[in-house]
Amino acid sequence: MSLFAAIKSLFVPLPEGAVRYKGFTITATPEEVGGHYRISGSISKKNQQHSFSLVDRVAGEQNCVELTHHKAKLFIDQKGEAIFS
């Protein structure tokens, strides 16, 4: 990625429930199941994307979004670019 493209990407608005982390975009998509929310989302970078859904459930939607971001960051720290392999 060129320097210009990297700088430009910083100003592109993120969708609701998304954050940037180490060049990746994490998008939380909580799934409501029986009054609780299942941790679900995607990790993307350039034209690659990895979707995930965990069995973990939490009581509040905002708590679920925060926990999704946290777990995705751990996954990025552990796997890096290998996420897309």
N, C-alpha and C. Protein backbone atom coordinates (compact mmCIF):
# COMPACT_ATOMS: atom_id res chain seq x y z
N MET A 1 0.85 -1.16 0.00
CA MET A 1 0.00 0.00 0.00
C MET A 1 0.90 1.23 0.00
N SER A 2 0.59 2.15 -0.87
CA SER A 2 1.38 3.37 -0.94
C SER A 2 1.09 4.25 0.27
N LEU A 3 1.98 5.16 0.52
CA LEU A 3 1.80 6.09 1.64
C LEU A 3 0.53 6.88 1.46
N PHE A 4 0.27 7.35 0.24
CA PHE A 4 -0.94 8.12 -0.03
C PHE A 4 -2.20 7.30 0.25
N ALA A 5 -2.21 6.05 -0.19
CA ALA A 5 -3.36 5.18 0.04
C ALA A 5 -3.56 4.93 1.53
N ALA A 6 -2.47 4.76 2.26
CA ALA A 6 -2.56 4.53 3.71
C ALA A 6 -3.13 5.75 4.42
N ILE A 7 -2.69 6.93 4.04
CA ILE A 7 -3.20 8.16 4.64
C ILE A 7 -4.66 8.36 4.27
N LYS A 8 -4.98 8.11 3.01
CA LYS A 8 -6.35 8.28 2.54
C LYS A 8 -7.30 7.36 3.31
N SER A 9 -6.87 6.12 3.60
CA SER A 9 -7.73 5.16 4.29
C SER A 9 -8.07 5.62 5.71
N LEU A 10 -7.24 6.47 6.28
CA LEU A 10 -7.51 6.98 7.63
C LEU A 10 -8.72 7.90 7.67
N PHE A 11 -9.07 8.48 6.52
CA PHE A 11 -10.15 9.43 6.47
C PHE A 11 -11.44 8.86 5.91
N VAL A 12 -11.42 7.59 5.52
CA VAL A 12 -12.64 6.93 5.05
C VAL A 12 -13.47 6.59 6.27
N PRO A 13 -14.72 7.01 6.31
CA PRO A 13 -15.54 6.72 7.50
C PRO A 13 -15.75 5.22 7.66
N LEU A 14 -15.74 4.79 8.90
CA LEU A 14 -15.95 3.38 9.22
C LEU A 14 -17.44 3.12 9.40
N PRO A 15 -17.89 1.92 9.05
CA PRO A 15 -19.29 1.59 9.31
C PRO A 15 -19.56 1.49 10.82
N GLU A 16 -20.81 1.52 11.20
CA GLU A 16 -21.22 1.38 12.60
C GLU A 16 -20.64 0.09 13.18
N GLY A 17 -20.06 0.17 14.35
CA GLY A 17 -19.51 -1.00 15.03
C GLY A 17 -18.14 -1.43 14.54
N ALA A 18 -17.43 -0.55 13.81
CA ALA A 18 -16.12 -0.91 13.26
C ALA A 18 -15.01 -0.07 13.88
N VAL A 19 -13.84 -0.68 13.99
CA VAL A 19 -12.64 0.01 14.46
C VAL A 19 -11.46 -0.43 13.60
N ARG A 20 -10.41 0.38 13.59
CA ARG A 20 -9.17 0.00 12.91
C ARG A 20 -8.16 -0.44 13.96
N TYR A 21 -7.37 -1.45 13.61
CA TYR A 21 -6.36 -1.98 14.51
C TYR A 21 -5.23 -2.58 13.70
N LYS A 22 -4.04 -2.03 13.83
CA LYS A 22 -2.83 -2.53 13.16
C LYS A 22 -3.03 -2.76 11.66
N GLY A 23 -3.75 -1.85 11.01
CA GLY A 23 -3.97 -1.95 9.57
C GLY A 23 -5.17 -2.79 9.18
N PHE A 24 -5.82 -3.42 10.13
CA PHE A 24 -7.01 -4.23 9.89
C PHE A 24 -8.25 -3.42 10.28
N THR A 25 -9.38 -3.74 9.69
CA THR A 25 -10.65 -3.17 10.10
C THR A 25 -11.47 -4.28 10.75
N ILE A 26 -11.91 -4.04 11.97
CA ILE A 26 -12.73 -5.00 12.71
C ILE A 26 -14.14 -4.45 12.72
N THR A 27 -15.09 -5.25 12.24
CA THR A 27 -16.49 -4.85 12.24
C THR A 27 -17.27 -5.82 13.10
N ALA A 28 -17.91 -5.29 14.14
CA ALA A 28 -18.73 -6.11 15.03
C ALA A 28 -20.15 -6.18 14.47
N THR A 29 -20.69 -7.39 14.44
CA THR A 29 -22.07 -7.60 13.99
C THR A 29 -22.77 -8.52 14.99
N PRO A 30 -23.11 -7.98 16.16
CA PRO A 30 -23.72 -8.81 17.20
C PRO A 30 -25.01 -9.47 16.70
N GLU A 31 -25.18 -10.74 17.06
CA GLU A 31 -26.38 -11.48 16.68
C GLU A 31 -27.23 -11.69 17.92
N GLU A 32 -28.46 -11.18 17.91
CA GLU A 32 -29.34 -11.36 19.07
C GLU A 32 -29.89 -12.79 19.08
N VAL A 33 -29.72 -13.45 20.22
CA VAL A 33 -30.19 -14.82 20.39
C VAL A 33 -30.82 -14.92 21.78
N GLY A 34 -32.12 -15.00 21.85
CA GLY A 34 -32.80 -15.19 23.12
C GLY A 34 -32.53 -14.12 24.15
N GLY A 35 -32.48 -12.88 23.75
CA GLY A 35 -32.25 -11.78 24.68
C GLY A 35 -30.80 -11.48 24.98
N HIS A 36 -29.89 -12.29 24.47
CA HIS A 36 -28.47 -12.06 24.61
C HIS A 36 -27.87 -11.86 23.23
N TYR A 37 -26.61 -11.45 23.18
CA TYR A 37 -25.95 -11.18 21.91
C TYR A 37 -24.74 -12.08 21.73
N ARG A 38 -24.67 -12.73 20.57
CA ARG A 38 -23.55 -13.61 20.24
C ARG A 38 -22.44 -12.77 19.62
N ILE A 39 -21.21 -13.05 20.02
CA ILE A 39 -20.04 -12.35 19.48
C ILE A 39 -19.85 -12.78 18.03
N SER A 40 -19.92 -11.79 17.14
CA SER A 40 -19.85 -12.06 15.72
C SER A 40 -19.30 -10.83 15.02
N GLY A 41 -18.53 -11.05 13.95
CA GLY A 41 -17.99 -9.91 13.22
C GLY A 41 -17.10 -10.35 12.08
N SER A 42 -16.31 -9.39 11.60
CA SER A 42 -15.38 -9.69 10.53
C SER A 42 -14.10 -8.87 10.71
N ILE A 43 -13.03 -9.42 10.17
CA ILE A 43 -11.73 -8.75 10.14
C ILE A 43 -11.36 -8.61 8.68
N SER A 44 -11.05 -7.40 8.25
CA SER A 44 -10.71 -7.21 6.84
C SER A 44 -9.46 -6.35 6.70
N LYS A 45 -8.83 -6.51 5.55
CA LYS A 45 -7.67 -5.72 5.19
C LYS A 45 -7.56 -5.77 3.68
N LYS A 46 -7.52 -4.62 3.06
CA LYS A 46 -7.51 -4.51 1.60
C LYS A 46 -8.72 -5.26 1.06
N ASN A 47 -8.52 -6.23 0.20
CA ASN A 47 -9.64 -6.96 -0.40
C ASN A 47 -9.87 -8.32 0.24
N GLN A 48 -9.34 -8.51 1.44
CA GLN A 48 -9.48 -9.79 2.12
C GLN A 48 -10.39 -9.62 3.33
N GLN A 49 -11.15 -10.68 3.64
CA GLN A 49 -12.04 -10.62 4.79
C GLN A 49 -12.16 -11.99 5.44
N HIS A 50 -12.22 -11.99 6.76
CA HIS A 50 -12.43 -13.21 7.54
C HIS A 50 -13.59 -12.94 8.48
N SER A 51 -14.66 -13.70 8.35
CA SER A 51 -15.82 -13.56 9.24
C SER A 51 -15.74 -14.59 10.35
N PHE A 52 -16.29 -14.24 11.50
CA PHE A 52 -16.28 -15.17 12.63
C PHE A 52 -17.54 -15.01 13.47
N SER A 53 -17.92 -16.08 14.13
CA SER A 53 -19.04 -16.08 15.07
C SER A 53 -18.66 -17.05 16.18
N LEU A 54 -18.68 -16.56 17.40
CA LEU A 54 -18.30 -17.38 18.55
C LEU A 54 -19.54 -17.81 19.32
N VAL A 55 -19.42 -18.81 20.15
CA VAL A 55 -20.55 -19.27 20.95
C VAL A 55 -20.77 -18.37 22.16
N ASP A 56 -19.81 -17.50 22.48
CA ASP A 56 -19.93 -16.60 23.62
C ASP A 56 -21.15 -15.70 23.46
N ARG A 57 -21.88 -15.49 24.54
CA ARG A 57 -23.03 -14.57 24.53
C ARG A 57 -22.93 -13.64 25.72
N VAL A 58 -23.35 -12.39 25.50
CA VAL A 58 -23.34 -11.39 26.57
C VAL A 58 -24.70 -10.69 26.62
N ALA A 59 -24.97 -10.02 27.75
CA ALA A 59 -26.29 -9.44 27.98
C ALA A 59 -26.58 -8.20 27.13
N GLY A 60 -25.64 -7.30 26.96
CA GLY A 60 -25.92 -6.05 26.27
C GLY A 60 -25.25 -5.96 24.91
N GLU A 61 -25.92 -5.27 23.99
CA GLU A 61 -25.36 -5.14 22.64
C GLU A 61 -24.03 -4.38 22.64
N GLN A 62 -23.94 -3.29 23.39
CA GLN A 62 -22.69 -2.52 23.44
C GLN A 62 -21.56 -3.35 24.06
N ASN A 63 -21.88 -4.11 25.10
CA ASN A 63 -20.88 -5.01 25.69
C ASN A 63 -20.40 -6.02 24.67
N CYS A 64 -21.32 -6.51 23.85
CA CYS A 64 -20.98 -7.48 22.83
C CYS A 64 -20.03 -6.86 21.78
N VAL A 65 -20.31 -5.63 21.37
CA VAL A 65 -19.46 -4.95 20.40
C VAL A 65 -18.05 -4.80 20.97
N GLU A 66 -17.95 -4.35 22.22
CA GLU A 66 -16.64 -4.15 22.84
C GLU A 66 -15.88 -5.48 22.97
N LEU A 67 -16.57 -6.54 23.36
CA LEU A 67 -15.93 -7.84 23.50
C LEU A 67 -15.52 -8.41 22.14
N THR A 68 -16.33 -8.16 21.11
CA THR A 68 -15.99 -8.58 19.75
C THR A 68 -14.69 -7.91 19.31
N HIS A 69 -14.58 -6.60 19.54
CA HIS A 69 -13.35 -5.88 19.17
C HIS A 69 -12.16 -6.46 19.93
N HIS A 70 -12.33 -6.71 21.21
CA HIS A 70 -11.24 -7.24 22.03
C HIS A 70 -10.77 -8.60 21.52
N LYS A 71 -11.71 -9.50 21.28
CA LYS A 71 -11.34 -10.85 20.82
C LYS A 71 -10.72 -10.81 19.43
N ALA A 72 -11.21 -9.94 18.56
CA ALA A 72 -10.63 -9.81 17.21
C ALA A 72 -9.20 -9.27 17.29
N LYS A 73 -8.95 -8.33 18.18
CA LYS A 73 -7.60 -7.79 18.35
C LYS A 73 -6.64 -8.89 18.82
N LEU A 74 -7.09 -9.73 19.75
CA LEU A 74 -6.26 -10.85 20.21
C LEU A 74 -5.96 -11.79 19.05
N PHE A 75 -6.96 -12.06 18.22
CA PHE A 75 -6.78 -12.94 17.07
C PHE A 75 -5.78 -12.34 16.09
N ILE A 76 -5.86 -11.04 15.85
CA ILE A 76 -4.91 -10.35 14.97
C ILE A 76 -3.51 -10.43 15.55
N ASP A 77 -3.37 -10.20 16.86
CA ASP A 77 -2.06 -10.28 17.50
C ASP A 77 -1.46 -11.69 17.39
N GLN A 78 -2.31 -12.70 17.45
CA GLN A 78 -1.83 -14.08 17.39
C GLN A 78 -1.53 -14.54 15.97
N LYS A 79 -2.38 -14.19 15.01
CA LYS A 79 -2.28 -14.74 13.66
C LYS A 79 -1.76 -13.76 12.61
N GLY A 80 -1.97 -12.47 12.81
CA GLY A 80 -1.53 -11.48 11.81
C GLY A 80 -2.16 -11.76 10.45
N GLU A 81 -1.36 -11.67 9.40
CA GLU A 81 -1.85 -11.87 8.03
C GLU A 81 -2.33 -13.30 7.79
N ALA A 82 -1.92 -14.25 8.63
CA ALA A 82 -2.33 -15.65 8.47
C ALA A 82 -3.83 -15.84 8.68
N ILE A 83 -4.50 -14.82 9.19
CA ILE A 83 -5.96 -14.89 9.36
C ILE A 83 -6.63 -15.25 8.03
N PHE A 84 -6.07 -14.76 6.94
CA PHE A 84 -6.70 -14.93 5.63
C PHE A 84 -6.24 -16.18 4.90
N SER A 85 -5.40 -16.99 5.52
CA SER A 85 -4.90 -18.22 4.88
C SER A 85 -5.89 -19.35 4.97
